[in-house]
Amino acid sequence: MDTPIPDYLVEVLDAVAADASGAVADYIPELAQVDPDQLGVVLATVDGAVYEAGDCAAGFTIQSISKPFVYALALQQRGLEAVLDQVDVEPSGEAFNELSLEKGSGRPLNPMINAGAIVVHTMVGDAQDPQGRCEQVLAGLSAFAGRPLAVDEAAYASESETAFRNYAIANMLRSRDSIVEDPEDVVAAYTRQCSVRVTTRDLALMAATLANGGVHPLSEERVVEEWVARQVMSVMATCGMYDSAGDWISTVGFPAKSGVSGGIIGALPGQLGIAAFSPRLDPHGSSVRGVEVCRRLSADMGLHMMDPPQPARSTIRRTHTVQYVDGSAAMVFALHGSLQFAGAERLVRDLADADAAGRLSDAVVLDLTRVHSINDVARRMLLETVRRLQLEGCGVTLVDPESTLPDPDCGGGVRPPVVATVAEAAARGHA
């Protein structure tokens, strides 16, 4: 059986294809020559599935979509505090190429507008080796894409001829010592960053790498640390769509970034990366049809990050009682899915309620057979609950065949027995 997802993506593209509004970025001569009717979309899941429809293999320059990834490289190399010292994370409410800095500090307001992105570019690599910096940026973007990328030299030359606004921004930054290098050299290097050639598939995998906590879903290479990916997606959510960021996050509802070549990406933490491509732009500099594709995907697939996943209600699959060989009883809590705070809290509350109502048996079995992940706070809550049950004289057994809960050390409590099945727990008897 073929998966229906590619057919669904084709339906989405067909639904938006007739929209010919907007215009290509003709202020850059090379971009003015592109076919405005190109249209593609790619979904890449965090476990490596890739679904494509439309013009997914068409190449185009990455432009401002490079900003979150170079921001990630700077964070990885310099650390959060060092980067924050030079670039803030507040939404600007202004166009991407506005000549504006934070009052008082002189910092660019965020790394997604051009002023912030230019400063961030200078924070990668060694200031004494601008050529090496460009190579590091290209290598970093390639790692996110999972394949070697290259600069589109024709696009670079074309964009360099018309980068007057960026030259003005760089000179403003130099006047405030936000950058210390020659503004023309910095703009030239930043323009090369924006001229890297990608496909829609590349962008989806780059977004999926962020969504996967910094690990590429196909190569399984760790590109950046998990905290870096979280920071980048946070800034994308609030600043990635410039002066339409508020409308975007309220209606589409996931971290995103657009570029004036017509690309747009979205990252759903723990789920997938999305990329769409269509060259005609709206007044904010974002792809008209790309934005509509994302709106449809979000509405159809429930991708808005404020939609409740209801983990607390779904974590406990069922409860039942088993008889031990010595005649005593054990109450079994069968869990499943991904155990996080809300799910762990629900388990702890159900245990406490059962105890208060006198329904808790002589022993408790926590069945983790169908639990595929447990985050740190849920692990600590689970182990503390085990410790407290043991202190009350209640025997606890963990059914954990995949060692999802590593090293069940209960902080001074008796280490609970770990078995592979509920039947094995019953056969052990009430220890």
Protein backbone atom coordinates (compact mmCIF):
# COMPACT_ATOMS: atom_id res chain seq x y z
CA MET A 1 0.00 0.00 0.00
CA ASP A 2 1.27 3.47 -0.89
CA THR A 3 1.07 6.16 1.77
CA PRO A 4 -1.62 8.78 1.00
CA ILE A 5 0.53 11.68 2.19
CA PRO A 6 2.08 12.57 -1.21
CA ASP A 7 -1.41 12.56 -2.77
CA TYR A 8 -2.60 14.87 -0.02
CA LEU A 9 0.32 17.23 -0.68
CA VAL A 10 -0.60 17.28 -4.38
CA GLU A 11 -4.15 18.25 -3.40
CA VAL A 12 -2.80 21.11 -1.30
CA LEU A 13 -0.67 22.40 -4.18
CA ASP A 14 -3.61 22.11 -6.59
CA ALA A 15 -5.74 24.17 -4.19
CA VAL A 16 -3.29 27.09 -4.12
CA ALA A 17 -1.88 26.88 -7.67
CA ALA A 18 -4.33 29.35 -9.21
CA ASP A 19 -3.25 32.19 -6.92
CA ALA A 20 -1.06 34.44 -9.08
CA SER A 21 -0.94 37.37 -6.67
CA GLY A 22 2.31 38.87 -5.48
CA ALA A 23 5.50 39.45 -7.42
CA VAL A 24 9.01 38.02 -7.60
CA ALA A 25 11.85 39.91 -5.86
CA ASP A 26 12.78 41.92 -8.96
CA TYR A 27 15.07 44.26 -7.02
CA ILE A 28 17.63 41.47 -7.29
CA PRO A 29 18.19 40.97 -11.06
CA GLU A 30 18.86 37.24 -10.83
CA LEU A 31 15.67 36.63 -8.84
CA ALA A 32 13.65 38.66 -11.33
CA GLN A 33 14.35 35.98 -13.97
CA VAL A 34 12.96 32.96 -12.10
CA ASP A 35 9.84 31.10 -13.22
CA PRO A 36 7.13 32.54 -10.96
CA ASP A 37 4.88 29.51 -11.38
CA GLN A 38 7.20 27.05 -9.61
CA LEU A 39 5.51 25.44 -6.63
CA GLY A 40 6.65 22.67 -4.30
CA VAL A 41 6.22 21.32 -0.79
CA VAL A 42 8.14 18.76 1.29
CA LEU A 43 7.48 17.23 4.71
CA ALA A 44 10.39 15.56 6.55
CA THR A 45 9.66 13.73 9.79
CA VAL A 46 12.17 13.58 12.64
CA ASP A 47 12.57 9.83 12.10
CA GLY A 48 13.59 10.20 8.46
CA ALA A 49 10.48 9.92 6.27
CA VAL A 50 10.38 12.48 3.43
CA TYR A 51 7.22 13.29 1.44
CA GLU A 52 7.35 15.51 -1.65
CA ALA A 53 5.05 17.12 -4.19
CA GLY A 54 5.56 19.63 -6.99
CA ASP A 55 8.83 21.32 -7.99
CA CYS A 56 10.84 19.94 -5.06
CA ALA A 57 14.08 19.46 -6.99
CA ALA A 58 14.17 23.02 -8.35
CA GLY A 59 17.16 24.95 -7.05
CA PHE A 60 17.01 28.47 -5.63
CA THR A 61 19.04 30.62 -3.25
CA ILE A 62 18.43 30.22 0.46
CA GLN A 63 18.37 33.98 1.21
CA SER A 64 17.01 34.83 4.69
CA ILE A 65 16.20 31.21 5.48
CA SER A 66 19.93 30.94 6.20
CA LYS A 67 19.49 33.21 9.22
CA PRO A 68 18.20 30.71 11.81
CA PHE A 69 20.84 28.15 10.84
CA VAL A 70 23.77 30.57 11.01
CA TYR A 71 22.31 31.82 14.31
CA ALA A 72 22.49 28.20 15.47
CA LEU A 73 26.14 27.98 14.42
CA ALA A 74 26.97 31.17 16.36
CA LEU A 75 25.15 29.90 19.45
CA GLN A 76 26.95 26.57 19.24
CA GLN A 77 30.36 28.26 18.99
CA ARG A 78 29.93 31.26 21.30
CA GLY A 79 27.21 30.29 23.77
CA LEU A 80 23.89 31.99 24.47
CA GLU A 81 25.12 34.82 26.69
CA ALA A 82 27.83 35.92 24.27
CA VAL A 83 25.39 36.04 21.38
CA LEU A 84 22.74 37.85 23.44
CA ASP A 85 25.33 40.48 24.32
CA GLN A 86 25.38 41.47 20.66
CA VAL A 87 21.93 40.54 19.31
CA ASP A 88 18.63 40.64 21.22
CA VAL A 89 15.66 38.30 20.69
CA GLU A 90 12.75 40.76 20.73
CA PRO A 91 10.31 41.02 17.79
CA SER A 92 10.91 44.22 15.86
CA GLY A 93 7.48 44.66 14.27
CA GLU A 94 9.38 46.11 11.31
CA ALA A 95 10.38 44.99 7.83
CA PHE A 96 13.36 42.66 7.49
CA ASN A 97 15.64 45.36 6.03
CA GLU A 98 14.80 48.20 8.41
CA LEU A 99 17.68 50.33 9.69
CA SER A 100 16.91 49.98 13.38
CA LEU A 101 18.74 49.12 16.59
CA GLU A 102 17.67 48.71 20.21
CA LYS A 103 17.60 52.01 22.06
CA GLY A 104 20.40 52.33 24.57
CA SER A 105 22.36 49.16 23.85
CA GLY A 106 22.60 49.59 20.09
CA ARG A 107 22.00 45.87 19.57
CA PRO A 108 19.94 44.64 16.63
CA LEU A 109 16.53 43.64 17.92
CA ASN A 110 16.74 40.01 16.81
CA PRO A 111 18.81 37.69 14.58
CA MET A 112 16.08 37.29 11.93
CA ILE A 113 16.15 40.87 10.61
CA ASN A 114 19.07 41.81 8.37
CA ALA A 115 20.83 43.92 10.99
CA GLY A 116 20.88 41.05 13.45
CA ALA A 117 21.80 38.47 10.81
CA ILE A 118 24.78 40.53 9.68
CA VAL A 119 26.10 40.71 13.24
CA VAL A 120 25.46 37.00 13.79
CA HIS A 121 27.42 36.17 10.62
CA THR A 122 30.49 37.87 12.11
CA MET A 123 30.20 35.70 15.24
CA VAL A 124 30.91 32.46 13.36
CA GLY A 125 34.54 31.45 13.11
CA ASP A 126 37.55 33.76 13.37
CA ALA A 127 37.34 37.49 12.60
CA GLN A 128 40.89 37.31 11.28
CA ASP A 129 39.91 34.69 8.69
CA PRO A 130 36.85 35.89 6.72
CA GLN A 131 37.39 33.28 4.02
CA GLY A 132 37.48 30.56 6.65
CA ARG A 133 34.30 31.99 8.16
CA CYS A 134 32.50 31.70 4.81
CA GLU A 135 33.65 28.10 4.54
CA GLN A 136 32.42 27.37 8.08
CA VAL A 137 29.02 28.86 7.30
CA LEU A 138 28.75 26.82 4.12
CA ALA A 139 29.84 23.66 5.95
CA GLY A 140 27.30 24.32 8.69
CA LEU A 141 24.43 24.85 6.23
CA SER A 142 25.51 21.68 4.42
CA ALA A 143 25.42 19.72 7.68
CA PHE A 144 21.87 20.90 8.32
CA ALA A 145 20.89 19.87 4.77
CA GLY A 146 22.72 16.55 4.99
CA ARG A 147 24.60 17.06 1.73
CA PRO A 148 27.28 19.41 0.33
CA LEU A 149 25.81 22.75 -0.72
CA ALA A 150 27.40 25.43 -2.92
CA VAL A 151 27.13 29.15 -3.52
CA ASP A 152 25.24 30.24 -6.63
CA GLU A 153 27.91 32.56 -8.01
CA ALA A 154 25.58 34.23 -10.53
CA ALA A 155 23.08 35.03 -7.80
CA TYR A 156 25.87 36.25 -5.54
CA ALA A 157 27.17 38.65 -8.20
CA SER A 158 23.67 39.89 -8.97
CA GLU A 159 22.78 40.47 -5.35
CA SER A 160 26.10 42.16 -4.59
CA GLU A 161 25.37 44.78 -7.22
CA THR A 162 22.15 45.84 -5.49
CA ALA A 163 22.96 45.35 -1.78
CA PHE A 164 22.84 49.07 -1.02
CA ARG A 165 20.43 48.66 1.88
CA ASN A 166 22.62 46.05 3.54
CA TYR A 167 25.68 48.26 3.05
CA ALA A 168 23.80 51.03 4.85
CA ILE A 169 22.86 48.66 7.68
CA ALA A 170 26.45 47.42 7.98
CA ASN A 171 27.80 50.97 8.14
CA MET A 172 25.24 51.79 10.82
CA LEU A 173 26.39 48.72 12.76
CA ARG A 174 30.03 49.72 12.35
CA SER A 175 29.31 53.22 13.63
CA ARG A 176 27.93 51.67 16.84
CA ASP A 177 30.77 49.11 17.10
CA SER A 178 28.25 46.29 16.69
CA ILE A 179 30.67 45.00 14.09
CA VAL A 180 34.37 45.84 14.01
CA GLU A 181 35.26 44.64 10.53
CA ASP A 182 35.05 46.52 7.24
CA PRO A 183 31.33 46.86 6.39
CA GLU A 184 31.85 46.08 2.72
CA ASP A 185 33.70 42.86 3.51
CA VAL A 186 31.02 41.82 5.98
CA VAL A 187 28.19 42.46 3.52
CA ALA A 188 30.06 40.56 0.81
CA ALA A 189 30.40 37.53 3.10
CA TYR A 190 26.81 37.80 4.32
CA THR A 191 25.62 37.95 0.70
CA ARG A 192 27.49 34.72 -0.03
CA GLN A 193 25.65 33.15 2.90
CA CYS A 194 22.33 34.18 1.35
CA SER A 195 23.39 32.94 -2.11
CA VAL A 196 23.80 29.29 -1.11
CA ARG A 197 21.73 27.16 -3.48
CA VAL A 198 19.18 24.74 -2.01
CA THR A 199 16.08 22.76 -2.94
CA THR A 200 12.77 22.47 -1.12
CA ARG A 201 13.84 19.02 0.05
CA ASP A 202 17.04 20.50 1.52
CA LEU A 203 15.05 23.08 3.45
CA ALA A 204 12.60 20.50 4.83
CA LEU A 205 15.48 18.38 6.14
CA MET A 206 17.19 21.45 7.60
CA ALA A 207 13.96 22.35 9.43
CA ALA A 208 13.54 18.73 10.54
CA THR A 209 17.05 18.84 12.02
CA LEU A 210 15.94 21.71 14.25
CA ALA A 211 12.71 19.88 15.07
CA ASN A 212 14.78 16.81 15.99
CA GLY A 213 16.79 18.68 18.62
CA GLY A 214 19.75 19.37 16.32
CA VAL A 215 20.17 15.83 14.93
CA HIS A 216 19.81 15.30 11.18
CA PRO A 217 16.95 12.79 10.67
CA LEU A 218 18.69 10.87 7.86
CA SER A 219 22.41 11.02 8.63
CA GLU A 220 21.73 11.01 12.41
CA GLU A 221 24.61 13.48 12.73
CA ARG A 222 24.32 15.90 15.65
CA VAL A 223 24.68 19.29 13.99
CA VAL A 224 24.00 21.46 17.07
CA GLU A 225 23.08 20.82 20.69
CA GLU A 226 19.45 20.45 21.72
CA TRP A 227 19.38 23.75 23.61
CA VAL A 228 20.60 25.53 20.48
CA ALA A 229 17.77 24.09 18.38
CA ARG A 230 15.26 25.11 21.05
CA GLN A 231 16.61 28.67 21.15
CA VAL A 232 16.54 28.98 17.37
CA MET A 233 12.96 27.70 17.06
CA SER A 234 11.87 30.04 19.86
CA VAL A 235 13.22 33.06 17.99
CA MET A 236 11.75 31.78 14.72
CA ALA A 237 8.34 31.61 16.40
CA THR A 238 8.42 35.23 17.54
CA CYS A 239 10.57 36.91 14.88
CA GLY A 240 10.92 34.64 11.85
CA MET A 241 8.10 36.20 9.84
CA TYR A 242 9.15 39.81 10.50
CA ASP A 243 6.29 42.30 10.65
CA SER A 244 3.69 39.55 10.07
CA ALA A 245 5.00 37.37 12.92
CA GLY A 246 1.95 37.95 15.12
CA ASP A 247 -0.52 37.03 12.40
CA TRP A 248 1.57 33.97 11.49
CA ILE A 249 1.91 32.54 14.98
CA SER A 250 -1.78 33.06 15.75
CA THR A 251 -3.11 31.53 12.52
CA VAL A 252 -0.45 29.02 11.38
CA GLY A 253 1.15 28.45 14.75
CA PHE A 254 4.61 26.96 14.32
CA PRO A 255 8.14 28.40 14.16
CA ALA A 256 8.91 29.52 10.62
CA LYS A 257 11.27 31.50 8.40
CA SER A 258 10.80 32.89 4.91
CA GLY A 259 13.18 34.10 2.20
CA VAL A 260 12.78 36.46 -0.75
CA SER A 261 13.57 33.75 -3.28
CA GLY A 262 10.21 32.20 -2.39
CA GLY A 263 11.20 29.56 0.13
CA ILE A 264 9.58 29.13 3.53
CA ILE A 265 10.27 26.63 6.33
CA GLY A 266 8.44 25.49 9.44
CA ALA A 267 9.70 23.36 12.32
CA LEU A 268 7.42 21.33 14.60
CA PRO A 269 9.51 20.26 17.63
CA GLY A 270 9.59 16.49 17.92
CA GLN A 271 7.49 16.04 14.79
CA LEU A 272 8.65 17.30 11.42
CA GLY A 273 10.14 19.96 9.21
CA ILE A 274 8.11 21.65 6.48
CA ALA A 275 9.32 23.52 3.41
CA ALA A 276 7.40 25.19 0.60
CA PHE A 277 8.63 27.06 -2.45
CA SER A 278 6.87 29.54 -4.72
CA PRO A 279 8.63 32.73 -5.95
CA ARG A 280 5.85 35.33 -5.87
CA LEU A 281 6.05 37.37 -2.66
CA ASP A 282 3.58 39.27 -0.50
CA PRO A 283 4.31 42.79 0.88
CA HIS A 284 6.15 41.22 3.86
CA GLY A 285 8.64 39.45 1.57
CA SER A 286 7.14 35.98 2.08
CA SER A 287 5.90 33.55 -0.56
CA VAL A 288 2.19 34.09 -1.20
CA ARG A 289 1.43 30.50 -2.08
CA GLY A 290 4.01 29.16 0.38
CA VAL A 291 2.23 30.90 3.25
CA GLU A 292 -1.11 29.50 2.09
CA VAL A 293 0.36 25.99 1.84
CA CYS A 294 1.52 26.27 5.45
CA ARG A 295 -1.86 27.56 6.57
CA ARG A 296 -3.58 24.58 4.98
CA LEU A 297 -1.12 22.07 6.41
CA SER A 298 -1.52 23.55 9.87
CA ALA A 299 -5.32 23.50 9.71
CA ASP A 300 -5.63 20.05 8.12
CA MET A 301 -2.96 18.30 10.16
CA GLY A 302 -3.47 20.02 13.53
CA LEU A 303 0.02 21.51 13.55
CA HIS A 304 -0.66 24.69 15.52
CA MET A 305 1.67 24.49 18.52
CA MET A 306 -1.10 25.72 20.81
CA ASP A 307 -3.36 22.80 19.91
CA PRO A 308 -3.38 20.60 23.06
CA PRO A 309 -1.90 17.13 22.47
CA GLN A 310 -3.67 15.88 25.62
CA PRO A 311 -0.70 13.81 26.83
CA ALA A 312 -2.02 13.61 30.38
CA ARG A 313 -5.22 11.82 29.37
CA SER A 314 -3.55 9.50 26.88
CA THR A 315 -0.48 8.39 28.87
CA ILE A 316 -2.31 5.86 31.09
CA ARG A 317 -3.57 3.25 28.66
CA ARG A 318 -5.39 1.20 31.28
CA THR A 319 -5.29 0.00 34.89
CA HIS A 320 -6.07 -3.49 36.15
CA THR A 321 -5.28 -5.83 39.02
CA VAL A 322 -3.22 -9.04 38.92
CA GLN A 323 -2.87 -11.74 41.56
CA TYR A 324 0.62 -12.62 42.78
CA VAL A 325 1.55 -16.25 43.42
CA ASP A 326 1.45 -15.67 47.18
CA GLY A 327 -2.17 -14.54 46.99
CA SER A 328 -1.50 -10.81 47.27
CA ALA A 329 -2.65 -8.38 44.59
CA ALA A 330 -0.90 -5.78 42.49
CA MET A 331 -2.46 -2.82 40.73
CA VAL A 332 -1.02 -2.47 37.23
CA PHE A 333 -0.72 0.92 35.56
CA ALA A 334 -0.08 0.35 31.84
CA LEU A 335 1.47 3.45 30.28
CA HIS A 336 2.23 4.30 26.67
CA GLY A 337 3.57 7.01 24.39
CA SER A 338 5.93 9.77 25.42
CA LEU A 339 5.97 10.42 29.15
CA GLN A 340 6.44 14.10 29.99
CA PHE A 341 5.41 16.29 32.92
CA ALA A 342 1.66 16.27 32.28
CA GLY A 343 1.52 12.52 31.82
CA ALA A 344 3.70 11.84 34.87
CA GLU A 345 1.56 14.21 36.94
CA ARG A 346 -1.58 12.35 35.89
CA LEU A 347 -0.01 9.01 36.91
CA VAL A 348 1.09 10.36 40.30
CA ARG A 349 -2.36 11.87 40.89
CA ASP A 350 -4.14 8.62 39.99
CA LEU A 351 -1.88 6.69 42.37
CA ALA A 352 -2.52 9.19 45.17
CA ASP A 353 -6.29 9.13 44.53
CA ALA A 354 -6.35 5.31 44.52
CA ASP A 355 -4.43 5.25 47.79
CA ALA A 356 -6.73 7.82 49.42
CA ALA A 357 -9.79 5.84 48.32
CA GLY A 358 -8.35 2.59 49.63
CA ARG A 359 -8.22 1.07 46.14
CA LEU A 360 -4.44 0.70 45.98
CA SER A 361 -3.41 -2.94 46.24
CA ASP A 362 -0.58 -4.50 48.23
CA ALA A 363 1.78 -3.75 45.37
CA VAL A 364 2.00 -1.60 42.24
CA VAL A 365 3.28 -2.58 38.82
CA LEU A 366 4.27 0.24 36.47
CA ASP A 367 4.17 -1.19 32.95
CA LEU A 368 6.45 0.82 30.64
CA THR A 369 6.34 -1.68 27.76
CA ARG A 370 4.68 0.79 25.39
CA VAL A 371 6.45 3.90 26.62
CA HIS A 372 8.94 5.03 23.97
CA SER A 373 10.50 7.99 25.77
CA ILE A 374 10.61 9.61 29.21
CA ASN A 375 11.96 13.12 29.64
CA ASP A 376 14.01 14.17 32.65
CA VAL A 377 11.23 15.73 34.74
CA ALA A 378 8.94 12.73 34.18
CA ARG A 379 11.76 10.36 35.13
CA ARG A 380 12.42 12.22 38.36
CA MET A 381 8.71 12.31 39.21
CA LEU A 382 8.35 8.61 38.50
CA LEU A 383 11.32 7.62 40.66
CA GLU A 384 10.21 9.89 43.53
CA THR A 385 6.76 8.29 43.37
CA VAL A 386 8.34 4.83 43.53
CA ARG A 387 10.39 5.94 46.55
CA ARG A 388 7.32 7.25 48.37
CA LEU A 389 5.31 4.12 47.64
CA GLN A 390 8.14 2.01 49.05
CA LEU A 391 8.32 4.14 52.18
CA GLU A 392 4.58 3.48 52.68
CA GLY A 393 5.30 -0.26 52.53
CA CYS A 394 3.92 -0.77 49.04
CA GLY A 395 5.92 -3.10 46.80
CA VAL A 396 6.76 -1.68 43.36
CA THR A 397 7.81 -3.57 40.23
CA LEU A 398 8.79 -1.95 36.93
CA VAL A 399 7.99 -3.72 33.66
CA ASP A 400 10.60 -2.15 31.40
CA PRO A 401 11.82 -4.54 28.66
CA GLU A 402 13.44 -1.78 26.59
CA SER A 403 15.16 -0.04 29.54
CA THR A 404 13.23 3.15 28.83
CA LEU A 405 13.77 4.21 32.45
CA PRO A 406 17.52 3.75 32.84
CA ASP A 407 19.04 3.06 36.25
CA PRO A 408 15.94 3.18 38.49
CA ASP A 409 17.80 4.57 41.50
CA CYS A 410 15.16 5.94 43.84
CA GLY A 411 17.43 8.23 45.84
CA GLY A 412 17.74 6.20 49.02
CA GLY A 413 14.72 3.99 48.45
CA VAL A 414 15.01 0.30 47.68
CA ARG A 415 15.83 -0.24 44.03
CA PRO A 416 12.64 -1.76 42.56
CA PRO A 417 12.82 -5.03 40.60
CA VAL A 418 12.75 -4.59 36.82
CA VAL A 419 11.13 -7.33 34.74
CA ALA A 420 10.22 -7.85 31.09
CA THR A 421 6.50 -8.66 31.37
CA VAL A 422 3.55 -8.23 33.74
CA ALA A 423 3.29 -12.03 33.92
CA GLU A 424 6.87 -12.19 35.16
CA ALA A 425 6.04 -9.59 37.80
CA ALA A 426 3.11 -11.72 39.02
CA ALA A 427 5.25 -14.87 39.04
CA ARG A 428 7.84 -13.21 41.28
CA GLY A 429 5.34 -12.87 44.09
CA HIS A 430 4.96 -9.95 46.48
CA ALA A 431 8.56 -9.14 47.47
